[in-house]
N, C-alpha and C. Protein backbone atom coordinates (compact mmCIF):
# COMPACT_ATOMS: atom_id res chain seq x y z
N UNK A 1 8.92 12.42 3.00
CA UNK A 1 7.71 11.37 3.31
C UNK A 1 7.25 11.40 1.54
N UNK A 2 6.20 12.63 0.87
CA UNK A 2 5.71 12.61 -0.38
C UNK A 2 6.64 11.71 -1.41
N UNK A 3 8.01 11.77 -0.92
CA UNK A 3 9.36 11.15 -2.13
C UNK A 3 8.93 9.57 -2.34
N UNK A 4 8.76 9.55 -0.68
CA UNK A 4 9.28 8.52 -0.25
C UNK A 4 8.02 7.49 -0.85
N UNK A 5 6.80 8.00 -0.66
CA UNK A 5 5.72 7.38 -1.04
C UNK A 5 5.77 7.02 -2.55
N UNK A 6 6.46 8.07 -2.83
CA UNK A 6 5.79 8.19 -4.62
C UNK A 6 7.02 6.92 -4.83
N UNK A 7 7.92 7.10 -4.50
CA UNK A 7 9.09 6.24 -5.24
C UNK A 7 8.73 4.78 -5.37
N UNK A 8 7.84 4.23 -4.11
CA UNK A 8 7.53 3.12 -3.46
C UNK A 8 6.06 2.53 -4.19
N UNK A 9 5.63 3.69 -4.59
CA UNK A 9 4.26 2.97 -4.98
C UNK A 9 4.35 3.02 -6.20
N UNK A 10 5.63 4.04 -7.17
CA UNK A 10 5.69 3.73 -8.84
C UNK A 10 6.24 2.42 -9.12
N UNK A 11 7.00 1.91 -7.90
CA UNK A 11 8.08 0.90 -7.95
C UNK A 11 6.77 -0.89 -8.25
N UNK A 12 5.98 -0.51 -7.27
CA UNK A 12 5.62 -1.43 -6.71
C UNK A 12 4.12 -1.24 -8.54
N UNK A 13 3.01 -0.34 -8.42
CA UNK A 13 3.01 -0.47 -9.51
C UNK A 13 3.30 -0.98 -11.10
N UNK A 14 4.94 -0.48 -10.94
CA UNK A 14 5.62 -0.92 -12.48
C UNK A 14 5.49 -2.49 -11.95
N UNK A 15 5.70 -2.93 -11.08
CA UNK A 15 5.92 -4.23 -11.03
C UNK A 15 4.75 -5.22 -11.02
N UNK A 16 3.21 -4.47 -10.86
CA UNK A 16 1.66 -5.24 -10.80
C UNK A 16 1.73 -4.68 -12.34
N UNK A 17 2.13 -4.08 -13.12
CA UNK A 17 1.66 -3.57 -14.23
C UNK A 17 2.65 -3.04 -15.36
N UNK A 18 3.60 -3.45 -15.11
CA UNK A 18 4.89 -3.33 -16.63
C UNK A 18 5.30 -2.01 -16.17
N UNK A 19 6.63 -1.95 -17.46
CA UNK A 19 6.95 -0.45 -16.96
C UNK A 19 6.32 0.58 -18.03
N UNK A 20 6.08 0.05 -18.92
CA UNK A 20 4.78 0.52 -19.95
C UNK A 20 3.86 1.69 -19.44
N UNK A 21 2.89 1.33 -17.99
CA UNK A 21 2.15 2.22 -17.13
C UNK A 21 3.20 2.46 -16.01
N UNK A 22 4.07 3.17 -16.33
CA UNK A 22 4.64 3.90 -15.05
C UNK A 22 3.91 5.66 -14.87
N UNK A 23 4.04 5.83 -16.50
CA UNK A 23 2.80 7.41 -16.75
C UNK A 23 1.76 7.37 -16.10
N UNK A 24 0.62 6.80 -16.22
CA UNK A 24 -0.48 6.15 -15.56
C UNK A 24 -0.08 6.44 -14.01
N UNK A 25 0.91 6.04 -13.45
CA UNK A 25 0.35 5.92 -12.05
C UNK A 25 1.64 7.55 -11.51
N UNK A 26 2.80 7.78 -12.08
CA UNK A 26 2.77 9.30 -11.82
C UNK A 26 1.55 10.29 -12.08
N UNK A 27 0.91 10.67 -13.39
CA UNK A 27 -0.42 10.81 -13.64
C UNK A 27 -2.00 11.37 -12.15
N UNK A 28 -1.67 9.91 -12.06
CA UNK A 28 -2.98 9.68 -10.65
C UNK A 28 -1.78 10.36 -9.75
N UNK A 29 -0.73 9.97 -8.99
CA UNK A 29 0.24 10.77 -7.91
C UNK A 29 -0.18 11.72 -7.73
N UNK A 30 0.19 13.45 -9.36
CA UNK A 30 0.02 13.77 -9.70
C UNK A 30 -1.36 14.70 -8.94
N UNK A 31 -2.71 13.69 -9.69
CA UNK A 31 -3.90 14.02 -8.88
C UNK A 31 -4.07 14.25 -7.67
N UNK A 32 -3.73 12.70 -7.53
CA UNK A 32 -3.97 12.67 -5.92
C UNK A 32 -3.28 14.06 -4.94
N UNK A 33 -2.15 13.94 -5.23
CA UNK A 33 -0.95 15.19 -4.82
C UNK A 33 -2.00 16.75 -4.68
N UNK A 34 -2.69 16.54 -5.58
CA UNK A 34 -3.33 18.51 -5.57
C UNK A 34 -4.36 18.10 -5.52
N UNK A 35 -5.30 17.73 -5.52
CA UNK A 35 -6.64 17.26 -4.58
C UNK A 35 -6.20 17.28 -3.27
N UNK A 36 -5.70 16.42 -2.36
CA UNK A 36 -5.26 16.60 -1.00
C UNK A 36 -4.91 17.95 -0.92
N UNK A 37 -4.26 19.15 -1.23
CA UNK A 37 -3.73 20.29 -1.19
C UNK A 37 -5.06 20.60 -1.04
N UNK A 38 -5.68 20.64 -2.02
CA UNK A 38 -6.84 21.43 -2.08
C UNK A 38 -8.33 21.08 -0.99
N UNK A 39 -8.08 20.01 -0.39
CA UNK A 39 -9.83 19.52 0.02
C UNK A 39 -8.93 19.37 1.52
N UNK A 40 -9.86 19.82 2.64
CA UNK A 40 -10.17 19.58 3.70
C UNK A 40 -8.82 18.27 4.56
N UNK A 41 -8.58 18.93 5.40
CA UNK A 41 -7.99 17.71 6.17
C UNK A 41 -8.30 16.47 6.49
N UNK A 42 -10.02 16.83 7.25
CA UNK A 42 -10.55 15.93 7.52
C UNK A 42 -10.76 14.41 6.29
N UNK A 43 -10.97 15.53 5.20
CA UNK A 43 -11.16 14.69 3.92
C UNK A 43 -10.04 13.52 4.21
N UNK A 44 -8.65 13.89 4.09
CA UNK A 44 -7.55 12.97 3.16
C UNK A 44 -8.18 12.77 4.30
N UNK A 45 -7.97 13.41 5.42
CA UNK A 45 -7.14 11.94 6.92
C UNK A 45 -8.56 10.25 6.78
N UNK A 46 -9.87 10.87 6.41
CA UNK A 46 -10.51 9.79 6.07
C UNK A 46 -10.26 8.91 4.56
N UNK A 47 -10.05 9.74 4.10
CA UNK A 47 -9.86 8.89 3.04
C UNK A 47 -8.27 8.07 2.56
N UNK A 48 -7.35 8.73 3.76
CA UNK A 48 -5.84 7.51 3.89
C UNK A 48 -6.51 6.47 5.12
N UNK A 49 -7.40 6.67 5.89
CA UNK A 49 -7.85 5.91 6.98
C UNK A 49 -8.61 4.87 5.87
N UNK A 50 -9.49 5.26 4.92
CA UNK A 50 -10.21 4.02 4.29
C UNK A 50 -9.29 2.86 3.51
N UNK A 51 -7.93 3.57 2.97
CA UNK A 51 -7.08 3.40 1.60
C UNK A 51 -5.73 2.34 3.43
N UNK A 52 -5.49 2.45 4.02
CA UNK A 52 -5.30 1.37 4.42
C UNK A 52 -6.10 0.73 5.10
N UNK A 53 -7.17 0.73 5.51
CA UNK A 53 -8.48 -0.54 6.12
C UNK A 53 -8.14 -1.33 4.90
N UNK A 54 -8.33 -1.02 3.04
CA UNK A 54 -8.28 -1.47 1.95
C UNK A 54 -6.47 -2.71 2.30
N UNK A 55 -6.10 -1.83 2.05
CA UNK A 55 -4.82 -2.93 2.12
C UNK A 55 -4.20 -3.69 3.06
N UNK A 56 -5.36 -3.76 4.19
CA UNK A 56 -5.50 -5.13 5.28
C UNK A 56 -6.08 -6.15 5.23
N UNK A 57 -7.27 -5.68 3.64
CA UNK A 57 -7.80 -7.03 3.50
C UNK A 57 -6.89 -8.07 3.09
N UNK A 58 -6.61 -7.69 2.09
CA UNK A 58 -4.74 -8.57 1.55
C UNK A 58 -4.18 -9.54 2.56
N UNK A 59 -3.97 -8.58 3.08
CA UNK A 59 -2.79 -8.79 4.00
C UNK A 59 -3.09 -9.99 4.97
N UNK A 60 -4.93 -10.06 5.50
CA UNK A 60 -5.37 -10.73 6.63
C UNK A 60 -5.92 -12.44 6.08
N UNK A 61 -6.02 -11.45 4.22
CA UNK A 61 -6.65 -12.66 3.44
C UNK A 61 -5.34 -14.10 3.82
N UNK A 62 -4.64 -13.19 3.62
CA UNK A 62 -2.86 -13.90 2.84
C UNK A 62 -2.61 -14.64 3.98
N UNK A 63 -2.46 -13.75 5.58
CA UNK A 63 -1.91 -14.52 7.00
C UNK A 63 -3.23 -15.79 6.68
N UNK A 64 -4.48 -15.68 6.72
CA UNK A 64 -5.13 -16.72 6.70
C UNK A 64 -4.40 -17.45 5.83
N UNK A 65 -4.86 -17.73 4.75
CA UNK A 65 -3.66 -18.85 3.58
C UNK A 65 -2.59 -19.44 4.19
N UNK A 66 -1.58 -18.39 4.49
CA UNK A 66 -0.35 -19.08 5.22
C UNK A 66 -0.47 -19.27 6.49
N UNK A 67 -0.95 -19.64 7.77
CA UNK A 67 -1.52 -19.59 8.24
C UNK A 67 -0.32 -20.80 8.94
N UNK A 68 -0.30 -21.82 8.27
CA UNK A 68 0.00 -22.55 9.15
C UNK A 68 1.72 -22.40 9.09
N UNK A 69 2.33 -21.88 7.79
CA UNK A 69 4.25 -21.43 7.85
C UNK A 69 3.31 -20.17 8.38
N UNK A 70 2.88 -19.75 9.04
CA UNK A 70 2.92 -18.20 10.13
C UNK A 70 3.64 -18.84 11.58
N UNK A 71 2.44 -19.91 11.94
CA UNK A 71 2.25 -20.76 13.19
C UNK A 71 4.00 -21.62 13.63
N UNK A 72 4.52 -22.15 12.15
CA UNK A 72 5.54 -22.47 12.41
C UNK A 72 6.47 -21.57 12.16
N UNK A 73 6.65 -20.69 11.77
CA UNK A 73 7.53 -19.72 11.68
C UNK A 73 7.89 -18.83 12.79
N UNK A 74 6.65 -19.13 14.25
CA UNK A 74 6.64 -18.23 15.48
C UNK A 74 7.36 -19.18 16.07
N UNK A 75 6.73 -20.75 16.44
CA UNK A 75 7.08 -21.12 16.82
C UNK A 75 9.22 -22.14 16.89
N UNK A 76 9.00 -21.52 15.44
CA UNK A 76 10.84 -21.96 15.24
C UNK A 76 11.40 -20.70 16.04
N UNK A 77 10.86 -19.68 16.03
CA UNK A 77 11.66 -18.11 16.98
C UNK A 77 11.52 -18.36 17.97
N UNK A 78 10.46 -18.81 18.54
CA UNK A 78 10.78 -18.99 19.83
C UNK A 78 11.52 -20.21 20.91
N UNK A 79 11.94 -20.68 19.81
CA UNK A 79 12.65 -22.04 20.16
C UNK A 79 14.28 -21.24 19.76
N UNK A 80 14.82 -20.66 19.39
CA UNK A 80 15.93 -20.07 19.38
C UNK A 80 16.62 -19.19 20.83
């Protein structure tokens, strides 16, 4: 799981910031992995829940902005 999260995270980071910033992501991931291993599991779980919530906001904004396309896609799907 750690390997796949690292790979997906690095590819997204490189897409957003460029290949020359790949090392920054690697260092952040290494630091987060270390801190996660020495911190209590309750803190790690709470932090991960906050990050999932933080990812939900841009998705909700995008969904709202694309609501007409989403409704049309649902209608097209139901008529298949």
